[in-house]
Amino acid sequence: MARALLALLPGLLATFAFGLFIGTLARGAASAVLCALGSFLAFDLFKAGLGESARWVFAAHVPTPFDTSPWSELAGIARGYSDAVLSEAALRAAWIAPWPALLLLTVLACLALGRRAL
């Protein structure tokens, strides 16, 4: 279980960077929340169309209400199963894929914030 939770951490950090980026672009808090939630829900609804390549997008590793990601298997872990249900490929993607998005979104958020008048 610890291994699965550690694999979730990079995706969570990338999600925070995404929220920071959207927050710097939005005019207000309500529009930032709507844009961020709308983006995640739209991706989650249509990520099945990306097939296996969807797991290389950081948002695929964040649990959502319409969850079809490998993290939907965490319910089995909570019911007493082992973490063996998470494939090695899914764990590798969860540990690797979010880092470039985290760096890119953080840099873009800093650039957008630098251009805004505070």
PDB file of N, CA and C in Angstrom:
ATOM      1  N   MET A   1       0.827  -1.188   0.000  1.00  0.00           N
ATOM      2  CA  MET A   1       0.000   0.000   0.000  1.00  0.00           C
ATOM      3  C   MET A   1       0.874   1.255   0.000  1.00  0.00           C
ATOM      4  N   ALA A   2       1.981   1.200   0.731  1.00  0.00           N
ATOM      5  CA  ALA A   2       2.874   2.353   0.757  1.00  0.00           C
ATOM      6  C   ALA A   2       3.437   2.641  -0.624  1.00  0.00           C
ATOM      7  N   ARG A   3       3.742   1.584  -1.373  1.00  0.00           N
ATOM      8  CA  ARG A   3       4.277   1.749  -2.727  1.00  0.00           C
ATOM      9  C   ARG A   3       3.254   2.438  -3.625  1.00  0.00           C
ATOM     10  N   ALA A   4       2.001   2.059  -3.513  1.00  0.00           N
ATOM     11  CA  ALA A   4       0.947   2.674  -4.322  1.00  0.00           C
ATOM     12  C   ALA A   4       0.732   4.133  -3.923  1.00  0.00           C
ATOM     13  N   LEU A   5       0.790   4.412  -2.634  1.00  0.00           N
ATOM     14  CA  LEU A   5       0.605   5.790  -2.188  1.00  0.00           C
ATOM     15  C   LEU A   5       1.778   6.672  -2.602  1.00  0.00           C
ATOM     16  N   LEU A   6       2.991   6.127  -2.577  1.00  0.00           N
ATOM     17  CA  LEU A   6       4.147   6.885  -3.055  1.00  0.00           C
ATOM     18  C   LEU A   6       4.059   7.141  -4.557  1.00  0.00           C
ATOM     19  N   ALA A   7       3.476   6.224  -5.291  1.00  0.00           N
ATOM     20  CA  ALA A   7       3.297   6.428  -6.729  1.00  0.00           C
ATOM     21  C   ALA A   7       2.253   7.513  -7.001  1.00  0.00           C
ATOM     22  N   LEU A   8       1.339   7.713  -6.072  1.00  0.00           N
ATOM     23  CA  LEU A   8       0.313   8.732  -6.238  1.00  0.00           C
ATOM     24  C   LEU A   8       0.852  10.137  -5.986  1.00  0.00           C
ATOM     25  N   LEU A   9       1.920  10.245  -5.197  1.00  0.00           N
ATOM     26  CA  LEU A   9       2.458  11.548  -4.813  1.00  0.00           C
ATOM     27  C   LEU A   9       2.896  12.419  -5.994  1.00  0.00           C
ATOM     28  N   PRO A  10       3.661  11.929  -6.983  1.00  0.00           N
ATOM     29  CA  PRO A  10       4.016  12.795  -8.115  1.00  0.00           C
ATOM     30  C   PRO A  10       2.802  13.329  -8.883  1.00  0.00           C
ATOM     31  N   GLY A  11       1.794  12.493  -9.070  1.00  0.00           N
ATOM     32  CA  GLY A  11       0.581  12.965  -9.740  1.00  0.00           C
ATOM     33  C   GLY A  11      -0.132  14.042  -8.940  1.00  0.00           C
ATOM     34  N   LEU A  12      -0.115  13.898  -7.632  1.00  0.00           N
ATOM     35  CA  LEU A  12      -0.731  14.897  -6.764  1.00  0.00           C
ATOM     36  C   LEU A  12       0.024  16.222  -6.827  1.00  0.00           C
ATOM     37  N   LEU A  13       1.338  16.162  -6.834  1.00  0.00           N
ATOM     38  CA  LEU A  13       2.145  17.385  -6.968  1.00  0.00           C
ATOM     39  C   LEU A  13       1.922  18.054  -8.322  1.00  0.00           C
ATOM     40  N   ALA A  14       1.826  17.255  -9.374  1.00  0.00           N
ATOM     41  CA  ALA A  14       1.556  17.809 -10.703  1.00  0.00           C
ATOM     42  C   ALA A  14       0.167  18.447 -10.739  1.00  0.00           C
ATOM     43  N   THR A  15      -0.773  17.872 -10.002  1.00  0.00           N
ATOM     44  CA  THR A  15      -2.108  18.457  -9.929  1.00  0.00           C
ATOM     45  C   THR A  15      -2.077  19.807  -9.226  1.00  0.00           C
ATOM     46  N   PHE A  16      -1.286  19.916  -8.168  1.00  0.00           N
ATOM     47  CA  PHE A  16      -1.131  21.204  -7.497  1.00  0.00           C
ATOM     48  C   PHE A  16      -0.523  22.238  -8.434  1.00  0.00           C
ATOM     49  N   ALA A  17       0.484  21.816  -9.228  1.00  0.00           N
ATOM     50  CA  ALA A  17       1.096  22.732 -10.193  1.00  0.00           C
ATOM     51  C   ALA A  17       0.087  23.153 -11.262  1.00  0.00           C
ATOM     52  N   PHE A  18      -0.763  22.222 -11.688  1.00  0.00           N
ATOM     53  CA  PHE A  18      -1.811  22.546 -12.659  1.00  0.00           C
ATOM     54  C   PHE A  18      -2.775  23.577 -12.065  1.00  0.00           C
ATOM     55  N   GLY A  19      -3.176  23.371 -10.820  1.00  0.00           N
ATOM     56  CA  GLY A  19      -4.062  24.326 -10.148  1.00  0.00           C
ATOM     57  C   GLY A  19      -3.423  25.692  -9.998  1.00  0.00           C
ATOM     58  N   LEU A  20      -2.138  25.728  -9.691  1.00  0.00           N
ATOM     59  CA  LEU A  20      -1.411  26.993  -9.592  1.00  0.00           C
ATOM     60  C   LEU A  20      -1.377  27.698 -10.942  1.00  0.00           C
ATOM     61  N   PHE A  21      -1.129  26.925 -12.004  1.00  0.00           N
ATOM     62  CA  PHE A  21      -1.091  27.494 -13.348  1.00  0.00           C
ATOM     63  C   PHE A  21      -2.452  28.058 -13.750  1.00  0.00           C
ATOM     64  N   ILE A  22      -3.507  27.291 -13.548  1.00  0.00           N
ATOM     65  CA  ILE A  22      -4.857  27.775 -13.873  1.00  0.00           C
ATOM     66  C   ILE A  22      -5.209  28.987 -13.019  1.00  0.00           C
ATOM     67  N   GLY A  23      -4.822  28.957 -11.748  1.00  0.00           N
ATOM     68  CA  GLY A  23      -5.105  30.078 -10.852  1.00  0.00           C
ATOM     69  C   GLY A  23      -4.421  31.365 -11.270  1.00  0.00           C
ATOM     70  N   THR A  24      -3.220  31.256 -11.853  1.00  0.00           N
ATOM     71  CA  THR A  24      -2.529  32.464 -12.301  1.00  0.00           C
ATOM     72  C   THR A  24      -3.116  33.008 -13.594  1.00  0.00           C
ATOM     73  N   LEU A  25      -3.734  32.138 -14.388  1.00  0.00           N
ATOM     74  CA  LEU A  25      -4.337  32.606 -15.640  1.00  0.00           C
ATOM     75  C   LEU A  25      -5.750  33.141 -15.450  1.00  0.00           C
ATOM     76  N   ALA A  26      -6.465  32.641 -14.456  1.00  0.00           N
ATOM     77  CA  ALA A  26      -7.872  33.007 -14.266  1.00  0.00           C
ATOM     78  C   ALA A  26      -7.998  34.392 -13.646  1.00  0.00           C
ATOM     79  N   ARG A  27      -9.143  34.990 -13.903  1.00  0.00           N
ATOM     80  CA  ARG A  27      -9.405  36.324 -13.366  1.00  0.00           C
ATOM     81  C   ARG A  27      -9.875  36.293 -11.914  1.00  0.00           C
ATOM     82  N   GLY A  28     -10.453  35.193 -11.505  1.00  0.00           N
ATOM     83  CA  GLY A  28     -10.951  35.089 -10.138  1.00  0.00           C
ATOM     84  C   GLY A  28     -10.938  33.649  -9.662  1.00  0.00           C
ATOM     85  N   ALA A  29     -11.273  33.483  -8.394  1.00  0.00           N
ATOM     86  CA  ALA A  29     -11.234  32.147  -7.794  1.00  0.00           C
ATOM     87  C   ALA A  29     -12.283  31.219  -8.404  1.00  0.00           C
ATOM     88  N   ALA A  30     -13.476  31.735  -8.632  1.00  0.00           N
ATOM     89  CA  ALA A  30     -14.543  30.891  -9.172  1.00  0.00           C
ATOM     90  C   ALA A  30     -14.205  30.395 -10.575  1.00  0.00           C
ATOM     91  N   SER A  31     -13.675  31.263 -11.413  1.00  0.00           N
ATOM     92  CA  SER A  31     -13.317  30.834 -12.765  1.00  0.00           C
ATOM     93  C   SER A  31     -12.139  29.863 -12.742  1.00  0.00           C
ATOM     94  N   ALA A  32     -11.219  30.026 -11.800  1.00  0.00           N
ATOM     95  CA  ALA A  32     -10.094  29.092 -11.683  1.00  0.00           C
ATOM     96  C   ALA A  32     -10.582  27.703 -11.293  1.00  0.00           C
ATOM     97  N   VAL A  33     -11.496  27.640 -10.343  1.00  0.00           N
ATOM     98  CA  VAL A  33     -12.031  26.345  -9.915  1.00  0.00           C
ATOM     99  C   VAL A  33     -12.806  25.688 -11.053  1.00  0.00           C
ATOM    100  N   LEU A  34     -13.632  26.452 -11.750  1.00  0.00           N
ATOM    101  CA  LEU A  34     -14.402  25.898 -12.858  1.00  0.00           C
ATOM    102  C   LEU A  34     -13.503  25.403 -13.989  1.00  0.00           C
ATOM    103  N   CYS A  35     -12.484  26.152 -14.322  1.00  0.00           N
ATOM    104  CA  CYS A  35     -11.570  25.731 -15.391  1.00  0.00           C
ATOM    105  C   CYS A  35     -10.794  24.479 -14.994  1.00  0.00           C
ATOM    106  N   ALA A  36     -10.307  24.434 -13.769  1.00  0.00           N
ATOM    107  CA  ALA A  36      -9.530  23.272 -13.327  1.00  0.00           C
ATOM    108  C   ALA A  36     -10.405  22.026 -13.260  1.00  0.00           C
ATOM    109  N   LEU A  37     -11.568  22.144 -12.651  1.00  0.00           N
ATOM    110  CA  LEU A  37     -12.466  20.993 -12.556  1.00  0.00           C
ATOM    111  C   LEU A  37     -12.960  20.558 -13.926  1.00  0.00           C
ATOM    112  N   GLY A  38     -13.302  21.515 -14.758  1.00  0.00           N
ATOM    113  CA  GLY A  38     -13.766  21.198 -16.101  1.00  0.00           C
ATOM    114  C   GLY A  38     -12.702  20.486 -16.916  1.00  0.00           C
ATOM    115  N   SER A  39     -11.462  20.942 -16.801  1.00  0.00           N
ATOM    116  CA  SER A  39     -10.362  20.300 -17.537  1.00  0.00           C
ATOM    117  C   SER A  39     -10.156  18.861 -17.082  1.00  0.00           C
ATOM    118  N   PHE A  40     -10.153  18.646 -15.759  1.00  0.00           N
ATOM    119  CA  PHE A  40      -9.943  17.301 -15.245  1.00  0.00           C
ATOM    120  C   PHE A  40     -11.095  16.369 -15.598  1.00  0.00           C
ATOM    121  N   LEU A  41     -12.303  16.844 -15.465  1.00  0.00           N
ATOM    122  CA  LEU A  41     -13.443  15.990 -15.779  1.00  0.00           C
ATOM    123  C   LEU A  41     -13.522  15.686 -17.275  1.00  0.00           C
ATOM    124  N   ALA A  42     -13.216  16.678 -18.112  1.00  0.00           N
ATOM    125  CA  ALA A  42     -13.216  16.439 -19.556  1.00  0.00           C
ATOM    126  C   ALA A  42     -12.137  15.426 -19.933  1.00  0.00           C
ATOM    127  N   PHE A  43     -10.943  15.567 -19.339  1.00  0.00           N
ATOM    128  CA  PHE A  43      -9.889  14.590 -19.622  1.00  0.00           C
ATOM    129  C   PHE A  43     -10.306  13.198 -19.157  1.00  0.00           C
ATOM    130  N   ASP A  44     -10.902  13.115 -17.971  1.00  0.00           N
ATOM    131  CA  ASP A  44     -11.273  11.818 -17.427  1.00  0.00           C
ATOM    132  C   ASP A  44     -12.352  11.135 -18.266  1.00  0.00           C
ATOM    133  N   LEU A  45     -13.259  11.924 -18.819  1.00  0.00           N
ATOM    134  CA  LEU A  45     -14.304  11.345 -19.655  1.00  0.00           C
ATOM    135  C   LEU A  45     -13.770  10.818 -20.976  1.00  0.00           C
ATOM    136  N   PHE A  46     -12.744  11.485 -21.511  1.00  0.00           N
ATOM    137  CA  PHE A  46     -12.260  11.132 -22.844  1.00  0.00           C
ATOM    138  C   PHE A  46     -10.915  10.424 -22.859  1.00  0.00           C
ATOM    139  N   LYS A  47     -10.340  10.119 -21.687  1.00  0.00           N
ATOM    140  CA  LYS A  47      -9.024   9.483 -21.693  1.00  0.00           C
ATOM    141  C   LYS A  47      -9.065   8.043 -22.176  1.00  0.00           C
ATOM    142  N   ALA A  48     -10.228   7.427 -22.170  1.00  0.00           N
ATOM    143  CA  ALA A  48     -10.326   6.068 -22.703  1.00  0.00           C
ATOM    144  C   ALA A  48      -9.990   6.053 -24.197  1.00  0.00           C
ATOM    145  N   GLY A  49     -10.248   7.149 -24.877  1.00  0.00           N
ATOM    146  CA  GLY A  49      -9.931   7.249 -26.292  1.00  0.00           C
ATOM    147  C   GLY A  49      -8.435   7.303 -26.565  1.00  0.00           C
ATOM    148  N   LEU A  50      -7.644   7.646 -25.563  1.00  0.00           N
ATOM    149  CA  LEU A  50      -6.194   7.696 -25.729  1.00  0.00           C
ATOM    150  C   LEU A  50      -5.551   6.321 -25.581  1.00  0.00           C
ATOM    151  N   GLY A  51      -6.303   5.383 -25.051  1.00  0.00           N
ATOM    152  CA  GLY A  51      -5.790   4.026 -24.881  1.00  0.00           C
ATOM    153  C   GLY A  51      -4.693   3.956 -23.839  1.00  0.00           C
ATOM    154  N   GLU A  52      -3.678   3.147 -24.142  1.00  0.00           N
ATOM    155  CA  GLU A  52      -2.564   2.946 -23.201  1.00  0.00           C
ATOM    156  C   GLU A  52      -1.723   4.204 -23.015  1.00  0.00           C
ATOM    157  N   SER A  53      -1.724   5.100 -23.988  1.00  0.00           N
ATOM    158  CA  SER A  53      -0.908   6.310 -23.871  1.00  0.00           C
ATOM    159  C   SER A  53      -1.478   7.299 -22.863  1.00  0.00           C
ATOM    160  N   ALA A  54      -2.703   7.107 -22.428  1.00  0.00           N
ATOM    161  CA  ALA A  54      -3.299   8.015 -21.441  1.00  0.00           C
ATOM    162  C   ALA A  54      -2.560   7.985 -20.119  1.00  0.00           C
ATOM    163  N   ARG A  55      -1.912   6.884 -19.790  1.00  0.00           N
ATOM    164  CA  ARG A  55      -1.235   6.814 -18.500  1.00  0.00           C
ATOM    165  C   ARG A  55       0.017   7.678 -18.457  1.00  0.00           C
ATOM    166  N   TRP A  56       0.454   8.221 -19.597  1.00  0.00           N
ATOM    167  CA  TRP A  56       1.601   9.109 -19.611  1.00  0.00           C
ATOM    168  C   TRP A  56       1.206  10.571 -19.417  1.00  0.00           C
ATOM    169  N   VAL A  57      -0.080  10.831 -19.213  1.00  0.00           N
ATOM    170  CA  VAL A  57      -0.566  12.170 -18.867  1.00  0.00           C
ATOM    171  C   VAL A  57      -0.746  12.200 -17.355  1.00  0.00           C
ATOM    172  N   PHE A  58      -0.220  13.243 -16.696  1.00  0.00           N
ATOM    173  CA  PHE A  58      -0.234  13.264 -15.235  1.00  0.00           C
ATOM    174  C   PHE A  58      -1.627  13.138 -14.654  1.00  0.00           C
ATOM    175  N   ALA A  59      -2.622  13.651 -15.331  1.00  0.00           N
ATOM    176  CA  ALA A  59      -3.990  13.627 -14.797  1.00  0.00           C
ATOM    177  C   ALA A  59      -4.575  12.220 -14.746  1.00  0.00           C
ATOM    178  N   ALA A  60      -3.967  11.289 -15.438  1.00  0.00           N
ATOM    179  CA  ALA A  60      -4.464   9.912 -15.398  1.00  0.00           C
ATOM    180  C   ALA A  60      -4.190   9.249 -14.059  1.00  0.00           C
ATOM    181  N   HIS A  61      -3.308   9.839 -13.265  1.00  0.00           N
ATOM    182  CA  HIS A  61      -2.923   9.244 -11.990  1.00  0.00           C
ATOM    183  C   HIS A  61      -3.586   9.924 -10.800  1.00  0.00           C
ATOM    184  N   VAL A  62      -4.573  10.739 -11.079  1.00  0.00           N
ATOM    185  CA  VAL A  62      -5.300  11.422 -10.017  1.00  0.00           C
ATOM    186  C   VAL A  62      -6.709  10.855  -9.966  1.00  0.00           C
ATOM    187  N   PRO A  63      -7.139  10.314  -8.825  1.00  0.00           N
ATOM    188  CA  PRO A  63      -8.493   9.767  -8.743  1.00  0.00           C
ATOM    189  C   PRO A  63      -9.553  10.844  -8.984  1.00  0.00           C
ATOM    190  N   THR A  64     -10.567  10.501  -9.767  1.00  0.00           N
ATOM    191  CA  THR A  64     -11.663  11.429 -10.061  1.00  0.00           C
ATOM    192  C   THR A  64     -12.986  10.681  -9.928  1.00  0.00           C
ATOM    193  N   PRO A  65     -14.103  11.408  -9.978  1.00  0.00           N
ATOM    194  CA  PRO A  65     -15.405  10.735  -9.850  1.00  0.00           C
ATOM    195  C   PRO A  65     -15.687   9.708 -10.950  1.00  0.00           C
ATOM    196  N   PHE A  66     -15.151   9.913 -12.146  1.00  0.00           N
ATOM    197  CA  PHE A  66     -15.373   8.990 -13.258  1.00  0.00           C
ATOM    198  C   PHE A  66     -14.146   8.123 -13.473  1.00  0.00           C
ATOM    199  N   ASP A  67     -13.555   7.679 -12.404  1.00  0.00           N
ATOM    200  CA  ASP A  67     -12.232   7.080 -12.444  1.00  0.00           C
ATOM    201  C   ASP A  67     -12.172   5.793 -13.256  1.00  0.00           C
ATOM    202  N   THR A  68     -11.324   5.829 -14.283  1.00  0.00           N
ATOM    203  CA  THR A  68     -11.003   4.623 -15.038  1.00  0.00           C
ATOM    204  C   THR A  68      -9.487   4.416 -15.034  1.00  0.00           C
ATOM    205  N   SER A  69      -8.790   5.111 -14.137  1.00  0.00           N
ATOM    206  CA  SER A  69      -7.339   5.017 -14.069  1.00  0.00           C
ATOM    207  C   SER A  69      -6.920   3.792 -13.266  1.00  0.00           C
ATOM    208  N   PRO A  70      -5.635   3.494 -13.260  1.00  0.00           N
ATOM    209  CA  PRO A  70      -5.167   2.368 -12.449  1.00  0.00           C
ATOM    210  C   PRO A  70      -5.468   2.553 -10.968  1.00  0.00           C
ATOM    211  N   TRP A  71      -5.724   3.773 -10.542  1.00  0.00           N
ATOM    212  CA  TRP A  71      -5.969   4.017  -9.117  1.00  0.00           C
ATOM    213  C   TRP A  71      -7.354   3.574  -8.690  1.00  0.00           C
ATOM    214  N   SER A  72      -8.222   3.247  -9.645  1.00  0.00           N
ATOM    215  CA  SER A  72      -9.518   2.686  -9.264  1.00  0.00           C
ATOM    216  C   SER A  72      -9.323   1.317  -8.622  1.00  0.00           C
ATOM    217  N   GLU A  73      -8.157   0.702  -8.874  1.00  0.00           N
ATOM    218  CA  GLU A  73      -7.844  -0.574  -8.259  1.00  0.00           C
ATOM    219  C   GLU A  73      -7.501  -0.437  -6.782  1.00  0.00           C
ATOM    220  N   LEU A  74      -7.277   0.789  -6.305  1.00  0.00           N
ATOM    221  CA  LEU A  74      -6.973   0.983  -4.887  1.00  0.00           C
ATOM    222  C   LEU A  74      -8.135   0.584  -3.990  1.00  0.00           C
ATOM    223  N   ALA A  75      -9.343   0.567  -4.515  1.00  0.00           N
ATOM    224  CA  ALA A  75     -10.480   0.109  -3.714  1.00  0.00           C
ATOM    225  C   ALA A  75     -10.282  -1.340  -3.289  1.00  0.00           C
ATOM    226  N   GLY A  76      -9.693  -2.138  -4.158  1.00  0.00           N
ATOM    227  CA  GLY A  76      -9.399  -3.525  -3.809  1.00  0.00           C
ATOM    228  C   GLY A  76      -8.372  -3.626  -2.700  1.00  0.00           C
ATOM    229  N   ILE A  77      -7.405  -2.723  -2.711  1.00  0.00           N
ATOM    230  CA  ILE A  77      -6.401  -2.710  -1.649  1.00  0.00           C
ATOM    231  C   ILE A  77      -7.066  -2.364  -0.324  1.00  0.00           C
ATOM    232  N   ALA A  78      -7.958  -1.384  -0.360  1.00  0.00           N
ATOM    233  CA  ALA A  78      -8.638  -0.988   0.867  1.00  0.00           C
ATOM    234  C   ALA A  78      -9.488  -2.121   1.434  1.00  0.00           C
ATOM    235  N   ARG A  79      -9.944  -3.007   0.574  1.00  0.00           N
ATOM    236  CA  ARG A  79     -10.749  -4.144   1.038  1.00  0.00           C
ATOM    237  C   ARG A  79      -9.899  -5.311   1.508  1.00  0.00           C
ATOM    238  N   GLY A  80      -8.596  -5.148   1.540  1.00  0.00           N
ATOM    239  CA  GLY A  80      -7.740  -6.187   2.090  1.00  0.00           C
ATOM    240  C   GLY A  80      -6.913  -6.941   1.090  1.00  0.00           C
ATOM    241  N   TYR A  81      -6.970  -6.568  -0.194  1.00  0.00           N
ATOM    242  CA  TYR A  81      -6.136  -7.236  -1.174  1.00  0.00           C
ATOM    243  C   TYR A  81      -4.720  -6.666  -1.102  1.00  0.00           C
ATOM    244  N   SER A  82      -3.798  -7.310  -1.755  1.00  0.00           N
ATOM    245  CA  SER A  82      -2.433  -6.797  -1.769  1.00  0.00           C
ATOM    246  C   SER A  82      -2.307  -5.740  -2.862  1.00  0.00           C
ATOM    247  N   ASP A  83      -1.161  -5.050  -2.860  1.00  0.00           N
ATOM    248  CA  ASP A  83      -0.934  -4.034  -3.891  1.00  0.00           C
ATOM    249  C   ASP A  83      -0.445  -4.659  -5.198  1.00  0.00           C
ATOM    250  N   ALA A  84      -0.480  -5.977  -5.294  1.00  0.00           N
ATOM    251  CA  ALA A  84      -0.058  -6.653  -6.516  1.00  0.00           C
ATOM    252  C   ALA A  84      -1.011  -6.391  -7.675  1.00  0.00           C
ATOM    253  N   VAL A  85      -2.212  -5.876  -7.405  1.00  0.00           N
ATOM    254  CA  VAL A  85      -3.150  -5.605  -8.492  1.00  0.00           C
ATOM    255  C   VAL A  85      -2.685  -4.449  -9.353  1.00  0.00           C
ATOM    256  N   LEU A  86      -1.816  -3.593  -8.830  1.00  0.00           N
ATOM    257  CA  LEU A  86      -1.268  -2.509  -9.631  1.00  0.00           C
ATOM    258  C   LEU A  86      -0.098  -3.057 -10.431  1.00  0.00           C
ATOM    259  N   SER A  87      -0.211  -3.017 -11.728  1.00  0.00           N
ATOM    260  CA  SER A  87       0.841  -3.577 -12.575  1.00  0.00           C
ATOM    261  C   SER A  87       2.111  -2.743 -12.458  1.00  0.00           C
ATOM    262  N   GLU A  88       3.226  -3.368 -12.759  1.00  0.00           N
ATOM    263  CA  GLU A  88       4.514  -2.666 -12.717  1.00  0.00           C
ATOM    264  C   GLU A  88       4.538  -1.523 -13.731  1.00  0.00           C
ATOM    265  N   ALA A  89       3.916  -1.732 -14.888  1.00  0.00           N
ATOM    266  CA  ALA A  89       3.880  -0.673 -15.912  1.00  0.00           C
ATOM    267  C   ALA A  89       3.094   0.537 -15.413  1.00  0.00           C
ATOM    268  N   ALA A  90       1.987   0.293 -14.724  1.00  0.00           N
ATOM    269  CA  ALA A  90       1.192   1.403 -14.180  1.00  0.00           C
ATOM    270  C   ALA A  90       1.953   2.139 -13.091  1.00  0.00           C
ATOM    271  N   LEU A  91       2.666   1.414 -12.249  1.00  0.00           N
ATOM    272  CA  LEU A  91       3.457   2.059 -11.208  1.00  0.00           C
ATOM    273  C   LEU A  91       4.610   2.866 -11.795  1.00  0.00           C
ATOM    274  N   ARG A  92       5.292   2.321 -12.793  1.00  0.00           N
ATOM    275  CA  ARG A  92       6.387   3.072 -13.434  1.00  0.00           C
ATOM    276  C   ARG A  92       5.863   4.354 -14.068  1.00  0.00           C
ATOM    277  N   ALA A  93       4.739   4.260 -14.762  1.00  0.00           N
ATOM    278  CA  ALA A  93       4.165   5.458 -15.384  1.00  0.00           C
ATOM    279  C   ALA A  93       3.770   6.476 -14.320  1.00  0.00           C
ATOM    280  N   ALA A  94       3.247   6.022 -13.200  1.00  0.00           N
ATOM    281  CA  ALA A  94       2.836   6.935 -12.136  1.00  0.00           C
ATOM    282  C   ALA A  94       4.025   7.609 -11.474  1.00  0.00           C
ATOM    283  N   TRP A  95       5.168   6.921 -11.421  1.00  0.00           N
ATOM    284  CA  TRP A  95       6.359   7.517 -10.825  1.00  0.00           C
ATOM    285  C   TRP A  95       7.102   8.430 -11.788  1.00  0.00           C
ATOM    286  N   ILE A  96       6.958   8.206 -13.086  1.00  0.00           N
ATOM    287  CA  ILE A  96       7.747   8.951 -14.076  1.00  0.00           C
ATOM    288  C   ILE A  96       6.946  10.054 -14.763  1.00  0.00           C
ATOM    289  N   ALA A  97       5.748   9.766 -15.206  1.00  0.00           N
ATOM    290  CA  ALA A  97       4.992  10.665 -16.080  1.00  0.00           C
ATOM    291  C   ALA A  97       4.683  12.042 -15.475  1.00  0.00           C
ATOM    292  N   PRO A  98       4.330  12.172 -14.202  1.00  0.00           N
ATOM    293  CA  PRO A  98       3.936  13.491 -13.701  1.00  0.00           C
ATOM    294  C   PRO A  98       5.070  14.502 -13.563  1.00  0.00           C
ATOM    295  N   TRP A  99       6.335  14.069 -13.462  1.00  0.00           N
ATOM    296  CA  TRP A  99       7.420  15.013 -13.209  1.00  0.00           C
ATOM    297  C   TRP A  99       7.611  16.054 -14.313  1.00  0.00           C
ATOM    298  N   PRO A 100       7.626  15.696 -15.596  1.00  0.00           N
ATOM    299  CA  PRO A 100       7.736  16.748 -16.615  1.00  0.00           C
ATOM    300  C   PRO A 100       6.571  17.735 -16.574  1.00  0.00           C
ATOM    301  N   ALA A 101       5.358  17.217 -16.335  1.00  0.00           N
ATOM    302  CA  ALA A 101       4.203  18.117 -16.243  1.00  0.00           C
ATOM    303  C   ALA A 101       4.333  19.029 -15.037  1.00  0.00           C
ATOM    304  N   LEU A 102       4.824  18.502 -13.925  1.00  0.00           N
ATOM    305  CA  LEU A 102       5.020  19.311 -12.721  1.00  0.00           C
ATOM    306  C   LEU A 102       5.985  20.455 -12.996  1.00  0.00           C
ATOM    307  N   LEU A 103       7.115  20.152 -13.621  1.00  0.00           N
ATOM    308  CA  LEU A 103       8.101  21.191 -13.928  1.00  0.00           C
ATOM    309  C   LEU A 103       7.564  22.206 -14.929  1.00  0.00           C
ATOM    310  N   LEU A 104       6.955  21.709 -16.000  1.00  0.00           N
ATOM    311  CA  LEU A 104       6.435  22.609 -17.031  1.00  0.00           C
ATOM    312  C   LEU A 104       5.343  23.529 -16.486  1.00  0.00           C
ATOM    313  N   LEU A 105       4.397  22.974 -15.753  1.00  0.00           N
ATOM    314  CA  LEU A 105       3.299  23.790 -15.226  1.00  0.00           C
ATOM    315  C   LEU A 105       3.780  24.785 -14.175  1.00  0.00           C
ATOM    316  N   THR A 106       4.770  24.406 -13.394  1.00  0.00           N
ATOM    317  CA  THR A 106       5.325  25.340 -12.411  1.00  0.00           C
ATOM    318  C   THR A 106       6.023  26.500 -13.101  1.00  0.00           C
ATOM    319  N   VAL A 107       6.814  26.200 -14.125  1.00  0.00           N
ATOM    320  CA  VAL A 107       7.494  27.266 -14.874  1.00  0.00           C
ATOM    321  C   VAL A 107       6.472  28.172 -15.560  1.00  0.00           C
ATOM    322  N   LEU A 108       5.464  27.588 -16.196  1.00  0.00           N
ATOM    323  CA  LEU A 108       4.431  28.404 -16.850  1.00  0.00           C
ATOM    324  C   LEU A 108       3.662  29.259 -15.841  1.00  0.00           C
ATOM    325  N   ALA A 109       3.393  28.713 -14.672  1.00  0.00           N
ATOM    326  CA  ALA A 109       2.700  29.484 -13.636  1.00  0.00           C
ATOM    327  C   ALA A 109       3.566  30.652 -13.162  1.00  0.00           C
ATOM    328  N   CYS A 110       4.861  30.418 -13.015  1.00  0.00           N
ATOM    329  CA  CYS A 110       5.764  31.496 -12.600  1.00  0.00           C
ATOM    330  C   CYS A 110       5.849  32.575 -13.675  1.00  0.00           C
ATOM    331  N   LEU A 111       5.902  32.148 -14.931  1.00  0.00           N
ATOM    332  CA  LEU A 111       5.934  33.133 -16.019  1.00  0.00           C
ATOM    333  C   LEU A 111       4.632  33.940 -16.074  1.00  0.00           C
ATOM    334  N   ALA A 112       3.509  33.268 -15.926  1.00  0.00           N
ATOM    335  CA  ALA A 112       2.216  33.971 -15.961  1.00  0.00           C
ATOM    336  C   ALA A 112       2.089  34.907 -14.766  1.00  0.00           C
ATOM    337  N   LEU A 113       2.558  34.476 -13.622  1.00  0.00           N
ATOM    338  CA  LEU A 113       2.475  35.323 -12.435  1.00  0.00           C
ATOM    339  C   LEU A 113       3.392  36.526 -12.546  1.00  0.00           C
ATOM    340  N   GLY A 114       4.536  36.343 -13.191  1.00  0.00           N
ATOM    341  CA  GLY A 114       5.468  37.441 -13.394  1.00  0.00           C
ATOM    342  C   GLY A 114       4.915  38.515 -14.313  1.00  0.00           C
ATOM    343  N   ARG A 115       4.006  38.164 -15.203  1.00  0.00           N
ATOM    344  CA  ARG A 115       3.416  39.125 -16.129  1.00  0.00           C
ATOM    345  C   ARG A 115       2.185  39.833 -15.570  1.00  0.00           C
ATOM    346  N   ARG A 116       1.641  39.295 -14.478  1.00  0.00           N
ATOM    347  CA  ARG A 116       0.433  39.888 -13.885  1.00  0.00           C
ATOM    348  C   ARG A 116       0.785  41.019 -12.957  1.00  0.00           C
ATOM    349  N   ALA A 117      -0.065  42.012 -12.935  1.00  0.00           N
ATOM    350  CA  ALA A 117       0.078  43.107 -11.964  1.00  0.00           C
ATOM    351  C   ALA A 117      -0.607  42.682 -10.669  1.00  0.00           C
ATOM    352  N   LEU A 118       0.147  42.740  -9.600  1.00  0.00           N
ATOM    353  CA  LEU A 118      -0.413  42.324  -8.314  1.00  0.00           C
ATOM    354  C   LEU A 118      -1.040  43.472  -7.561  1.00  0.00           C
TER     355      LEU A 118
END
